[in-house]
Amino acid sequence: MDKPQEEMQELGFFGIYKESIKTILSLKKIFTKITLAFILPMSFIFLFHFVIARIIDWKIDRDEERAYNSNVENEHLYRKISSEWIWYWIFKIIYLSFLLLFSLLTTAAVVYTIADTYLGNEVTFNKVVKVVPKVWKRLALTFLWTYFGFFIYNVVAGVVFLIWETTTTFSTFGVVMFYVILAIYLVGFIYITALWQLASVVTVLESSYGLRAMIKGNELIKGKRWLSWFVFFVLHGIFLGILILFFVLAWDGFLGVLVGIVCVFLLMNLFLLGYVCTTMLYFVCKSYHCEAIDMIGLSSQLGGYLGEFEPASKQDIQLGQSHPQVQV
């Protein structure tokens, strides 16, 4: 990131992507190591879980069909189906746990790398590895608040869709209303995703985390809501395209293996770009609100993870706030 902070607010949609790509290329060595250590396993786990889930689903469907067509009760078959469902949900829990863990670790690694480089420090992979375990717990708390927000949002959306289904007949008007509601839902979903990602950056770079980070992220995103939305809309669109490619071609023998490898490669690069874009968006929002990046506060916050300074959470340092000068 070679632009002065006061120029960051001038970055638009294409500017954020351009600056993100430039940052990735300029820090290619460290980002390659971060990608191989965190993003590659996350991408592989994400896609491979679809393969395992499909196999388990196929076995459950086969056994349920056998049980349905059987003329007599087969306790052994019923127990087998119950066992398969239990293993299915155990697998899902393990998958989501690992996916969340690698996601938090990647967020901490990428955001810390960009911020420490912004301070002019030399960033090494060993330094990043030492920092990541000390940040992910704060990120996990921020994620839990975001998850709660997503849960409430989806419950309300579910109620709205239920009202539509029970009160609207299958007509042109009903279909149009469905797509209008769906469009509104997707706009809100992507916005909450952008807010979550921005709050994650706040969690790493400032003393706020959890609900406070969400509130801070919401304050930062004001004035840049549509810019944030379109940045994440494009990322989600590319993500959806990769998934479509995987689901269409990944089941066809040797070709499927090649497609799977290509999709993992595309996905891990997309994830890296997404994390860097989010950090760039944070700096754009800070600049837009004329909140100066306090170099002392930022250095203290990042140094606190390594034990070099007193942690910012104890000093009550917030980036963008002025600090009284001490006269000696």
C-alpha atoms as a PDB file:
ATOM      1  CA  MET A   1       0.000   0.000   0.000  1.00  0.00           C
ATOM      2  CA  ASP A   2       2.022   2.934  -1.313  1.00  0.00           C
ATOM      3  CA  LYS A   3      -0.663   5.649  -1.285  1.00  0.00           C
ATOM      4  CA  PRO A   4      -0.656   8.331   1.444  1.00  0.00           C
ATOM      5  CA  GLN A   5      -3.561   8.012   3.839  1.00  0.00           C
ATOM      6  CA  GLU A   6      -5.210  11.257   2.707  1.00  0.00           C
ATOM      7  CA  GLU A   7      -5.415   9.855  -0.836  1.00  0.00           C
ATOM      8  CA  MET A   8      -7.041   6.586   0.230  1.00  0.00           C
ATOM      9  CA  GLN A   9     -10.529   8.151   0.399  1.00  0.00           C
ATOM     10  CA  GLU A  10     -10.267   8.854  -3.334  1.00  0.00           C
ATOM     11  CA  LEU A  11     -10.093   5.144  -4.136  1.00  0.00           C
ATOM     12  CA  GLY A  12     -13.231   3.872  -5.795  1.00  0.00           C
ATOM     13  CA  PHE A  13     -14.357   0.413  -6.816  1.00  0.00           C
ATOM     14  CA  PHE A  14     -11.568  -0.243  -9.312  1.00  0.00           C
ATOM     15  CA  GLY A  15      -9.029   1.612  -7.170  1.00  0.00           C
ATOM     16  CA  ILE A  16      -9.539  -0.746  -4.239  1.00  0.00           C
ATOM     17  CA  TYR A  17      -9.015  -3.800  -6.434  1.00  0.00           C
ATOM     18  CA  LYS A  18      -5.999  -2.224  -8.132  1.00  0.00           C
ATOM     19  CA  GLU A  19      -4.388  -1.270  -4.816  1.00  0.00           C
ATOM     20  CA  SER A  20      -5.140  -4.733  -3.393  1.00  0.00           C
ATOM     21  CA  ILE A  21      -3.487  -6.506  -6.317  1.00  0.00           C
ATOM     22  CA  LYS A  22      -0.472  -4.176  -6.099  1.00  0.00           C
ATOM     23  CA  THR A  23      -0.171  -4.951  -2.390  1.00  0.00           C
ATOM     24  CA  ILE A  24      -0.344  -8.710  -2.997  1.00  0.00           C
ATOM     25  CA  LEU A  25       2.353  -8.504  -5.690  1.00  0.00           C
ATOM     26  CA  SER A  26       4.621  -6.268  -3.597  1.00  0.00           C
ATOM     27  CA  LEU A  27       4.346  -8.670  -0.628  1.00  0.00           C
ATOM     28  CA  LYS A  28       4.306 -11.784  -2.777  1.00  0.00           C
ATOM     29  CA  LYS A  29       6.787 -13.732  -0.659  1.00  0.00           C
ATOM     30  CA  ILE A  30       4.997 -13.372   2.676  1.00  0.00           C
ATOM     31  CA  PHE A  31       1.538 -13.752   1.133  1.00  0.00           C
ATOM     32  CA  THR A  32       2.629 -16.953  -0.617  1.00  0.00           C
ATOM     33  CA  LYS A  33       3.587 -18.429   2.748  1.00  0.00           C
ATOM     34  CA  ILE A  34       0.326 -17.259   4.348  1.00  0.00           C
ATOM     35  CA  THR A  35      -1.633 -18.743   1.443  1.00  0.00           C
ATOM     36  CA  LEU A  36       0.099 -22.118   1.676  1.00  0.00           C
ATOM     37  CA  ALA A  37      -0.210 -22.251   5.484  1.00  0.00           C
ATOM     38  CA  PHE A  38      -3.777 -21.007   5.968  1.00  0.00           C
ATOM     39  CA  ILE A  39      -5.713 -20.246   2.775  1.00  0.00           C
ATOM     40  CA  LEU A  40      -4.834 -23.404   0.806  1.00  0.00           C
ATOM     41  CA  PRO A  41      -6.023 -25.757   3.600  1.00  0.00           C
ATOM     42  CA  MET A  42      -9.168 -23.654   4.034  1.00  0.00           C
ATOM     43  CA  SER A  43      -9.938 -23.789   0.297  1.00  0.00           C
ATOM     44  CA  PHE A  44      -9.300 -27.534   0.145  1.00  0.00           C
ATOM     45  CA  ILE A  45     -11.452 -28.220   3.214  1.00  0.00           C
ATOM     46  CA  PHE A  46     -14.270 -26.075   1.842  1.00  0.00           C
ATOM     47  CA  LEU A  47     -14.467 -27.875  -1.528  1.00  0.00           C
ATOM     48  CA  PHE A  48     -13.587 -31.376  -0.331  1.00  0.00           C
ATOM     49  CA  HIS A  49     -16.375 -31.316   2.241  1.00  0.00           C
ATOM     50  CA  PHE A  50     -18.888 -31.235  -0.644  1.00  0.00           C
ATOM     51  CA  VAL A  51     -17.448 -34.534  -1.917  1.00  0.00           C
ATOM     52  CA  ILE A  52     -17.686 -36.236   1.483  1.00  0.00           C
ATOM     53  CA  ALA A  53     -21.156 -34.793   2.132  1.00  0.00           C
ATOM     54  CA  ARG A  54     -22.358 -36.060  -1.245  1.00  0.00           C
ATOM     55  CA  ILE A  55     -21.109 -39.595  -0.481  1.00  0.00           C
ATOM     56  CA  ILE A  56     -22.814 -39.595   2.918  1.00  0.00           C
ATOM     57  CA  ASP A  57     -26.028 -38.191   1.404  1.00  0.00           C
ATOM     58  CA  TRP A  58     -25.979 -40.915  -1.251  1.00  0.00           C
ATOM     59  CA  LYS A  59     -25.620 -43.652   1.401  1.00  0.00           C
ATOM     60  CA  ILE A  60     -28.430 -42.192   3.536  1.00  0.00           C
ATOM     61  CA  ASP A  61     -30.765 -41.825   0.542  1.00  0.00           C
ATOM     62  CA  ARG A  62     -30.031 -45.402  -0.552  1.00  0.00           C
ATOM     63  CA  ASP A  63     -30.715 -46.855   2.903  1.00  0.00           C
ATOM     64  CA  GLU A  64     -33.858 -44.745   3.407  1.00  0.00           C
ATOM     65  CA  GLU A  65     -35.184 -45.950   0.055  1.00  0.00           C
ATOM     66  CA  ARG A  66     -34.461 -49.552   1.054  1.00  0.00           C
ATOM     67  CA  ALA A  67     -36.276 -49.020   4.357  1.00  0.00           C
ATOM     68  CA  TYR A  68     -39.233 -47.407   2.591  1.00  0.00           C
ATOM     69  CA  ASN A  69     -39.552 -50.257   0.073  1.00  0.00           C
ATOM     70  CA  SER A  70     -39.119 -52.965   2.695  1.00  0.00           C
ATOM     71  CA  ASN A  71     -42.279 -54.839   3.611  1.00  0.00           C
ATOM     72  CA  VAL A  72     -41.064 -55.632   7.123  1.00  0.00           C
ATOM     73  CA  GLU A  73     -39.425 -53.496   9.753  1.00  0.00           C
ATOM     74  CA  ASN A  74     -35.665 -53.815   9.729  1.00  0.00           C
ATOM     75  CA  GLU A  75     -34.226 -52.550  13.015  1.00  0.00           C
ATOM     76  CA  HIS A  76     -30.679 -53.061  11.793  1.00  0.00           C
ATOM     77  CA  LEU A  77     -31.323 -50.823   8.786  1.00  0.00           C
ATOM     78  CA  TYR A  78     -33.021 -48.163  10.925  1.00  0.00           C
ATOM     79  CA  ARG A  79     -30.073 -48.147  13.323  1.00  0.00           C
ATOM     80  CA  LYS A  80     -27.709 -47.852  10.367  1.00  0.00           C
ATOM     81  CA  ILE A  81     -29.615 -44.833   9.018  1.00  0.00           C
ATOM     82  CA  SER A  82     -29.600 -43.185  12.466  1.00  0.00           C
ATOM     83  CA  SER A  83     -25.862 -43.817  12.753  1.00  0.00           C
ATOM     84  CA  GLU A  84     -25.267 -42.321   9.313  1.00  0.00           C
ATOM     85  CA  TRP A  85     -27.175 -39.176  10.252  1.00  0.00           C
ATOM     86  CA  ILE A  86     -25.163 -38.853  13.464  1.00  0.00           C
ATOM     87  CA  TRP A  87     -21.887 -39.182  11.543  1.00  0.00           C
ATOM     88  CA  TYR A  88     -23.173 -36.689   8.983  1.00  0.00           C
ATOM     89  CA  TRP A  89     -23.724 -33.999  11.606  1.00  0.00           C
ATOM     90  CA  ILE A  90     -20.451 -34.815  13.386  1.00  0.00           C
ATOM     91  CA  PHE A  91     -18.703 -34.365  10.051  1.00  0.00           C
ATOM     92  CA  LYS A  92     -20.499 -31.046   9.491  1.00  0.00           C
ATOM     93  CA  ILE A  93     -19.495 -29.744  12.940  1.00  0.00           C
ATOM     94  CA  ILE A  94     -15.854 -30.747  12.430  1.00  0.00           C
ATOM     95  CA  TYR A  95     -15.852 -29.177   8.958  1.00  0.00           C
ATOM     96  CA  LEU A  96     -17.349 -25.878  10.155  1.00  0.00           C
ATOM     97  CA  SER A  97     -14.936 -25.765  13.099  1.00  0.00           C
ATOM     98  CA  PHE A  98     -11.868 -26.152  10.881  1.00  0.00           C
ATOM     99  CA  LEU A  99     -13.259 -23.743   8.280  1.00  0.00           C
ATOM    100  CA  LEU A 100     -13.895 -21.095  10.941  1.00  0.00           C
ATOM    101  CA  LEU A 101     -10.470 -21.654  12.510  1.00  0.00           C
ATOM    102  CA  PHE A 102      -8.585 -21.224   9.228  1.00  0.00           C
ATOM    103  CA  SER A 103     -10.757 -18.232   8.324  1.00  0.00           C
ATOM    104  CA  LEU A 104      -9.904 -16.458  11.586  1.00  0.00           C
ATOM    105  CA  LEU A 105      -6.215 -17.331  11.292  1.00  0.00           C
ATOM    106  CA  THR A 106      -6.119 -16.008   7.729  1.00  0.00           C
ATOM    107  CA  THR A 107      -7.854 -12.770   8.694  1.00  0.00           C
ATOM    108  CA  ALA A 108      -5.353 -12.166  11.488  1.00  0.00           C
ATOM    109  CA  ALA A 109      -2.355 -13.004   9.288  1.00  0.00           C
ATOM    110  CA  VAL A 110      -3.350 -10.872   6.277  1.00  0.00           C
ATOM    111  CA  VAL A 111      -4.512  -7.809   8.236  1.00  0.00           C
ATOM    112  CA  TYR A 112      -1.462  -7.865  10.511  1.00  0.00           C
ATOM    113  CA  THR A 113       0.888  -8.214   7.531  1.00  0.00           C
ATOM    114  CA  ILE A 114      -0.565  -5.209   5.700  1.00  0.00           C
ATOM    115  CA  ALA A 115      -0.720  -3.026   8.831  1.00  0.00           C
ATOM    116  CA  ASP A 116       2.835  -3.852   9.942  1.00  0.00           C
ATOM    117  CA  THR A 117       4.096  -3.143   6.432  1.00  0.00           C
ATOM    118  CA  TYR A 118       2.215   0.175   6.568  1.00  0.00           C
ATOM    119  CA  LEU A 119       4.300   1.038   9.651  1.00  0.00           C
ATOM    120  CA  GLY A 120       7.452   0.382   7.644  1.00  0.00           C
ATOM    121  CA  ASN A 121       8.389  -2.760   9.555  1.00  0.00           C
ATOM    122  CA  GLU A 122       9.875  -5.836   7.993  1.00  0.00           C
ATOM    123  CA  VAL A 123       7.277  -8.605   8.177  1.00  0.00           C
ATOM    124  CA  THR A 124       8.395 -12.231   8.325  1.00  0.00           C
ATOM    125  CA  PHE A 125       6.283 -15.345   8.351  1.00  0.00           C
ATOM    126  CA  ASN A 126       7.656 -16.361  11.762  1.00  0.00           C
ATOM    127  CA  LYS A 127       6.509 -12.999  13.126  1.00  0.00           C
ATOM    128  CA  VAL A 128       3.033 -13.512  11.664  1.00  0.00           C
ATOM    129  CA  VAL A 129       2.805 -17.024  13.123  1.00  0.00           C
ATOM    130  CA  LYS A 130       3.572 -15.647  16.589  1.00  0.00           C
ATOM    131  CA  VAL A 131       0.855 -13.006  16.292  1.00  0.00           C
ATOM    132  CA  VAL A 132      -1.977 -15.116  14.853  1.00  0.00           C
ATOM    133  CA  PRO A 133      -2.712 -17.261  17.959  1.00  0.00           C
ATOM    134  CA  LYS A 134      -3.020 -14.099  20.058  1.00  0.00           C
ATOM    135  CA  VAL A 135      -5.576 -12.479  17.776  1.00  0.00           C
ATOM    136  CA  TRP A 136      -7.917 -15.287  16.770  1.00  0.00           C
ATOM    137  CA  LYS A 137      -9.782 -15.373  20.100  1.00  0.00           C
ATOM    138  CA  ARG A 138     -10.752 -11.707  19.679  1.00  0.00           C
ATOM    139  CA  LEU A 139     -11.812 -12.461  16.105  1.00  0.00           C
ATOM    140  CA  ALA A 140     -13.853 -15.437  17.309  1.00  0.00           C
ATOM    141  CA  LEU A 141     -15.849 -13.194  19.655  1.00  0.00           C
ATOM    142  CA  THR A 142     -16.495 -10.745  16.818  1.00  0.00           C
ATOM    143  CA  PHE A 143     -17.620 -13.671  14.665  1.00  0.00           C
ATOM    144  CA  LEU A 144     -20.056 -14.865  17.357  1.00  0.00           C
ATOM    145  CA  TRP A 145     -21.753 -11.451  17.406  1.00  0.00           C
ATOM    146  CA  THR A 146     -21.872 -11.484  13.609  1.00  0.00           C
ATOM    147  CA  TYR A 147     -23.329 -14.986  13.637  1.00  0.00           C
ATOM    148  CA  PHE A 148     -26.011 -13.785  16.039  1.00  0.00           C
ATOM    149  CA  GLY A 149     -26.779 -10.918  13.654  1.00  0.00           C
ATOM    150  CA  PHE A 150     -26.976 -13.298  10.682  1.00  0.00           C
ATOM    151  CA  PHE A 151     -29.265 -15.597  12.689  1.00  0.00           C
ATOM    152  CA  ILE A 152     -31.699 -12.783  13.526  1.00  0.00           C
ATOM    153  CA  TYR A 153     -31.581 -11.538   9.941  1.00  0.00           C
ATOM    154  CA  ASN A 154     -32.346 -14.987   8.513  1.00  0.00           C
ATOM    155  CA  VAL A 155     -35.159 -15.580  11.007  1.00  0.00           C
ATOM    156  CA  VAL A 156     -36.817 -12.302   9.988  1.00  0.00           C
ATOM    157  CA  ALA A 157     -36.243 -13.122   6.301  1.00  0.00           C
ATOM    158  CA  GLY A 158     -37.741 -16.583   6.840  1.00  0.00           C
ATOM    159  CA  VAL A 159     -40.853 -15.052   8.389  1.00  0.00           C
ATOM    160  CA  VAL A 160     -41.188 -12.654   5.432  1.00  0.00           C
ATOM    161  CA  PHE A 161     -40.858 -15.490   2.909  1.00  0.00           C
ATOM    162  CA  LEU A 162     -43.388 -17.540   4.899  1.00  0.00           C
ATOM    163  CA  ILE A 163     -45.872 -14.658   4.815  1.00  0.00           C
ATOM    164  CA  TRP A 164     -45.315 -14.354   1.060  1.00  0.00           C
ATOM    165  CA  GLU A 165     -45.929 -18.087   0.567  1.00  0.00           C
ATOM    166  CA  THR A 166     -49.126 -18.169   2.618  1.00  0.00           C
ATOM    167  CA  THR A 167     -50.683 -14.921   1.358  1.00  0.00           C
ATOM    168  CA  THR A 168     -49.643 -14.723  -2.296  1.00  0.00           C
ATOM    169  CA  THR A 169     -51.057 -16.811  -5.093  1.00  0.00           C
ATOM    170  CA  PHE A 170     -48.941 -18.182  -7.923  1.00  0.00           C
ATOM    171  CA  SER A 171     -49.315 -15.309 -10.354  1.00  0.00           C
ATOM    172  CA  THR A 172     -47.176 -12.764 -12.163  1.00  0.00           C
ATOM    173  CA  PHE A 173     -47.504 -10.391  -9.224  1.00  0.00           C
ATOM    174  CA  GLY A 174     -46.570 -13.143  -6.762  1.00  0.00           C
ATOM    175  CA  VAL A 175     -43.461 -14.118  -8.753  1.00  0.00           C
ATOM    176  CA  VAL A 176     -42.382 -10.487  -9.049  1.00  0.00           C
ATOM    177  CA  MET A 177     -42.845  -9.997  -5.298  1.00  0.00           C
ATOM    178  CA  PHE A 178     -40.745 -13.094  -4.624  1.00  0.00           C
ATOM    179  CA  TYR A 179     -37.812 -11.790  -6.669  1.00  0.00           C
ATOM    180  CA  VAL A 180     -38.119  -8.336  -5.091  1.00  0.00           C
ATOM    181  CA  ILE A 181     -37.973  -9.866  -1.601  1.00  0.00           C
ATOM    182  CA  LEU A 182     -35.085 -12.117  -2.665  1.00  0.00           C
ATOM    183  CA  ALA A 183     -33.152  -9.139  -4.079  1.00  0.00           C
ATOM    184  CA  ILE A 184     -33.652  -7.174  -0.860  1.00  0.00           C
ATOM    185  CA  TYR A 185     -32.510 -10.193   1.151  1.00  0.00           C
ATOM    186  CA  LEU A 186     -29.325 -10.573  -0.931  1.00  0.00           C
ATOM    187  CA  VAL A 187     -28.521  -6.864  -0.620  1.00  0.00           C
ATOM    188  CA  GLY A 188     -28.828  -7.127   3.158  1.00  0.00           C
ATOM    189  CA  PHE A 189     -26.877 -10.388   3.315  1.00  0.00           C
ATOM    190  CA  ILE A 190     -23.911  -8.964   1.382  1.00  0.00           C
ATOM    191  CA  TYR A 191     -24.009  -5.787   3.478  1.00  0.00           C
ATOM    192  CA  ILE A 192     -23.836  -7.754   6.737  1.00  0.00           C
ATOM    193  CA  THR A 193     -20.948  -9.779   5.266  1.00  0.00           C
ATOM    194  CA  ALA A 194     -19.091  -6.540   4.441  1.00  0.00           C
ATOM    195  CA  LEU A 195     -19.785  -5.249   7.948  1.00  0.00           C
ATOM    196  CA  TRP A 196     -18.466  -8.478   9.488  1.00  0.00           C
ATOM    197  CA  GLN A 197     -15.261  -8.368   7.441  1.00  0.00           C
ATOM    198  CA  LEU A 198     -14.685  -4.710   8.292  1.00  0.00           C
ATOM    199  CA  ALA A 199     -15.325  -5.429  11.977  1.00  0.00           C
ATOM    200  CA  SER A 200     -12.717  -8.201  11.771  1.00  0.00           C
ATOM    201  CA  VAL A 201     -10.126  -5.690  10.560  1.00  0.00           C
ATOM    202  CA  VAL A 202     -11.131  -3.357  13.409  1.00  0.00           C
ATOM    203  CA  THR A 203     -10.656  -6.263  15.817  1.00  0.00           C
ATOM    204  CA  VAL A 204      -7.055  -6.772  14.693  1.00  0.00           C
ATOM    205  CA  LEU A 205      -5.995  -3.132  14.353  1.00  0.00           C
ATOM    206  CA  GLU A 206      -7.900  -1.484  17.197  1.00  0.00           C
ATOM    207  CA  SER A 207      -8.725  -2.260  20.799  1.00  0.00           C
ATOM    208  CA  SER A 208     -12.396  -2.938  19.985  1.00  0.00           C
ATOM    209  CA  TYR A 209     -13.686  -6.453  19.429  1.00  0.00           C
ATOM    210  CA  GLY A 210     -16.971  -8.297  19.604  1.00  0.00           C
ATOM    211  CA  LEU A 211     -20.039  -6.035  19.602  1.00  0.00           C
ATOM    212  CA  ARG A 212     -17.885  -2.904  19.899  1.00  0.00           C
ATOM    213  CA  ALA A 213     -16.030  -3.867  16.724  1.00  0.00           C
ATOM    214  CA  MET A 214     -19.358  -4.350  14.917  1.00  0.00           C
ATOM    215  CA  ILE A 215     -20.520  -0.893  16.032  1.00  0.00           C
ATOM    216  CA  LYS A 216     -17.197   0.624  15.009  1.00  0.00           C
ATOM    217  CA  GLY A 217     -17.373  -1.126  11.639  1.00  0.00           C
ATOM    218  CA  ASN A 218     -20.899   0.193  11.088  1.00  0.00           C
ATOM    219  CA  GLU A 219     -19.703   3.728  11.846  1.00  0.00           C
ATOM    220  CA  LEU A 220     -16.787   3.393   9.438  1.00  0.00           C
ATOM    221  CA  ILE A 221     -18.867   2.021   6.590  1.00  0.00           C
ATOM    222  CA  LYS A 222     -21.223   5.041   6.624  1.00  0.00           C
ATOM    223  CA  GLY A 223     -20.738   7.029   3.434  1.00  0.00           C
ATOM    224  CA  LYS A 224     -19.095   4.055   1.738  1.00  0.00           C
ATOM    225  CA  ARG A 225     -21.955   1.551   2.018  1.00  0.00           C
ATOM    226  CA  TRP A 226     -22.549   1.109  -1.692  1.00  0.00           C
ATOM    227  CA  LEU A 227     -18.831   0.987  -2.459  1.00  0.00           C
ATOM    228  CA  SER A 228     -18.449  -1.727   0.175  1.00  0.00           C
ATOM    229  CA  TRP A 229     -21.492  -3.544  -1.140  1.00  0.00           C
ATOM    230  CA  PHE A 230     -20.266  -3.620  -4.745  1.00  0.00           C
ATOM    231  CA  VAL A 231     -16.762  -4.730  -3.701  1.00  0.00           C
ATOM    232  CA  PHE A 232     -18.226  -7.727  -1.872  1.00  0.00           C
ATOM    233  CA  PHE A 233     -20.882  -8.299  -4.524  1.00  0.00           C
ATOM    234  CA  VAL A 234     -18.158  -8.923  -7.112  1.00  0.00           C
ATOM    235  CA  LEU A 235     -16.259 -11.201  -4.716  1.00  0.00           C
ATOM    236  CA  HIS A 236     -19.453 -13.187  -4.048  1.00  0.00           C
ATOM    237  CA  GLY A 237     -20.176 -13.364  -7.790  1.00  0.00           C
ATOM    238  CA  ILE A 238     -16.737 -14.836  -8.558  1.00  0.00           C
ATOM    239  CA  PHE A 239     -17.135 -17.195  -5.599  1.00  0.00           C
ATOM    240  CA  LEU A 240     -20.480 -18.396  -6.975  1.00  0.00           C
ATOM    241  CA  GLY A 241     -18.920 -18.912 -10.409  1.00  0.00           C
ATOM    242  CA  ILE A 242     -16.185 -21.128  -8.939  1.00  0.00           C
ATOM    243  CA  LEU A 243     -18.793 -23.182  -7.070  1.00  0.00           C
ATOM    244  CA  ILE A 244     -20.863 -23.650 -10.241  1.00  0.00           C
ATOM    245  CA  LEU A 245     -17.753 -24.810 -12.120  1.00  0.00           C
ATOM    246  CA  PHE A 246     -16.961 -27.253  -9.311  1.00  0.00           C
ATOM    247  CA  PHE A 247     -20.468 -28.704  -9.015  1.00  0.00           C
ATOM    248  CA  VAL A 248     -20.896 -29.115 -12.772  1.00  0.00           C
ATOM    249  CA  LEU A 249     -17.543 -30.703 -13.642  1.00  0.00           C
ATOM    250  CA  ALA A 250     -15.938 -32.017 -10.454  1.00  0.00           C
ATOM    251  CA  TRP A 251     -17.665 -35.417 -10.553  1.00  0.00           C
ATOM    252  CA  ASP A 252     -16.379 -36.625 -13.921  1.00  0.00           C
ATOM    253  CA  GLY A 253     -13.425 -38.936 -13.223  1.00  0.00           C
ATOM    254  CA  PHE A 254      -9.981 -37.598 -14.132  1.00  0.00           C
ATOM    255  CA  LEU A 255     -11.480 -34.376 -15.512  1.00  0.00           C
ATOM    256  CA  GLY A 256     -13.189 -33.872 -12.166  1.00  0.00           C
ATOM    257  CA  VAL A 257      -9.844 -34.163 -10.357  1.00  0.00           C
ATOM    258  CA  LEU A 258      -8.306 -31.524 -12.638  1.00  0.00           C
ATOM    259  CA  VAL A 259     -11.329 -29.244 -12.187  1.00  0.00           C
ATOM    260  CA  GLY A 260     -11.087 -29.715  -8.419  1.00  0.00           C
ATOM    261  CA  ILE A 261      -7.412 -28.666  -8.431  1.00  0.00           C
ATOM    262  CA  VAL A 262      -8.204 -25.637 -10.594  1.00  0.00           C
ATOM    263  CA  CYS A 263     -11.096 -24.651  -8.300  1.00  0.00           C
ATOM    264  CA  VAL A 264      -8.902 -24.904  -5.199  1.00  0.00           C
ATOM    265  CA  PHE A 265      -6.317 -22.687  -6.904  1.00  0.00           C
ATOM    266  CA  LEU A 266      -8.936 -20.126  -7.957  1.00  0.00           C
ATOM    267  CA  LEU A 267     -10.612 -20.180  -4.554  1.00  0.00           C
ATOM    268  CA  MET A 268      -7.445 -19.620  -2.539  1.00  0.00           C
ATOM    269  CA  ASN A 269      -6.501 -16.630  -4.734  1.00  0.00           C
ATOM    270  CA  LEU A 270     -10.023 -15.243  -4.412  1.00  0.00           C
ATOM    271  CA  PHE A 271      -9.909 -15.607  -0.613  1.00  0.00           C
ATOM    272  CA  LEU A 272      -6.551 -13.806  -0.464  1.00  0.00           C
ATOM    273  CA  LEU A 273      -7.846 -10.997  -2.679  1.00  0.00           C
ATOM    274  CA  GLY A 274     -10.967 -10.714  -0.519  1.00  0.00           C
ATOM    275  CA  TYR A 275      -9.026 -10.359   2.733  1.00  0.00           C
ATOM    276  CA  VAL A 276      -6.697  -7.745   1.226  1.00  0.00           C
ATOM    277  CA  CYS A 277      -9.633  -5.814  -0.309  1.00  0.00           C
ATOM    278  CA  THR A 278     -11.315  -5.729   3.108  1.00  0.00           C
ATOM    279  CA  THR A 279      -8.199  -4.239   4.704  1.00  0.00           C
ATOM    280  CA  MET A 280      -7.956  -1.661   1.910  1.00  0.00           C
ATOM    281  CA  LEU A 281     -11.622  -0.807   2.432  1.00  0.00           C
ATOM    282  CA  TYR A 282     -10.873  -0.210   6.112  1.00  0.00           C
ATOM    283  CA  PHE A 283      -8.187   2.356   5.245  1.00  0.00           C
ATOM    284  CA  VAL A 284     -10.500   3.975   2.669  1.00  0.00           C
ATOM    285  CA  CYS A 285     -13.270   4.345   5.261  1.00  0.00           C
ATOM    286  CA  LYS A 286     -10.843   5.710   7.863  1.00  0.00           C
ATOM    287  CA  SER A 287      -9.591   8.291   5.366  1.00  0.00           C
ATOM    288  CA  TYR A 288     -13.137   9.196   4.287  1.00  0.00           C
ATOM    289  CA  HIS A 289     -14.073  10.002   7.895  1.00  0.00           C
ATOM    290  CA  CYS A 290     -10.813  11.960   8.309  1.00  0.00           C
ATOM    291  CA  GLU A 291      -9.694   9.605  11.054  1.00  0.00           C
ATOM    292  CA  ALA A 292      -5.926   9.719  11.052  1.00  0.00           C
ATOM    293  CA  ILE A 293      -4.154   6.404  11.424  1.00  0.00           C
ATOM    294  CA  ASP A 294      -2.412   6.956  14.741  1.00  0.00           C
ATOM    295  CA  MET A 295       1.036   5.487  14.129  1.00  0.00           C
ATOM    296  CA  ILE A 296       1.775   5.292  17.864  1.00  0.00           C
ATOM    297  CA  GLY A 297      -1.528   3.584  18.625  1.00  0.00           C
ATOM    298  CA  LEU A 298      -1.203   1.193  15.692  1.00  0.00           C
ATOM    299  CA  SER A 299       2.398   0.354  16.579  1.00  0.00           C
ATOM    300  CA  SER A 300       1.366  -0.247  20.184  1.00  0.00           C
ATOM    301  CA  GLN A 301      -1.572  -2.433  19.150  1.00  0.00           C
ATOM    302  CA  LEU A 302       0.507  -4.597  16.818  1.00  0.00           C
ATOM    303  CA  GLY A 303       3.510  -4.651  19.119  1.00  0.00           C
ATOM    304  CA  GLY A 304       1.293  -5.734  21.983  1.00  0.00           C
ATOM    305  CA  TYR A 305       0.605  -9.022  20.183  1.00  0.00           C
ATOM    306  CA  LEU A 306       4.347  -9.761  20.277  1.00  0.00           C
ATOM    307  CA  GLY A 307       4.831  -8.474  23.811  1.00  0.00           C
ATOM    308  CA  GLU A 308       6.897  -5.525  22.557  1.00  0.00           C
ATOM    309  CA  PHE A 309       4.512  -2.949  24.042  1.00  0.00           C
ATOM    310  CA  GLU A 310       1.669  -2.883  26.490  1.00  0.00           C
ATOM    311  CA  PRO A 311      -1.402  -4.214  24.625  1.00  0.00           C
ATOM    312  CA  ALA A 312      -3.637  -1.514  23.214  1.00  0.00           C
ATOM    313  CA  SER A 313      -6.676  -2.980  24.968  1.00  0.00           C
ATOM    314  CA  LYS A 314      -5.064  -2.099  28.303  1.00  0.00           C
ATOM    315  CA  GLN A 315      -3.924   1.335  27.193  1.00  0.00           C
ATOM    316  CA  ASP A 316      -7.397   2.087  25.799  1.00  0.00           C
ATOM    317  CA  ILE A 317      -5.909   3.244  22.500  1.00  0.00           C
ATOM    318  CA  GLN A 318      -8.243   3.725  19.577  1.00  0.00           C
ATOM    319  CA  LEU A 319      -6.927   4.451  16.110  1.00  0.00           C
ATOM    320  CA  GLY A 320      -7.983   7.855  14.927  1.00  0.00           C
ATOM    321  CA  GLN A 321      -8.173   9.366  18.422  1.00  0.00           C
ATOM    322  CA  SER A 322      -5.790  12.044  19.486  1.00  0.00           C
ATOM    323  CA  HIS A 323      -3.476  11.422  22.389  1.00  0.00           C
ATOM    324  CA  PRO A 324      -2.390  14.061  24.876  1.00  0.00           C
ATOM    325  CA  GLN A 325       1.253  14.931  24.682  1.00  0.00           C
ATOM    326  CA  VAL A 326       3.261  14.492  27.853  1.00  0.00           C
ATOM    327  CA  GLN A 327       5.477  17.382  28.710  1.00  0.00           C
ATOM    328  CA  VAL A 328       8.648  16.630  30.564  1.00  0.00           C
END
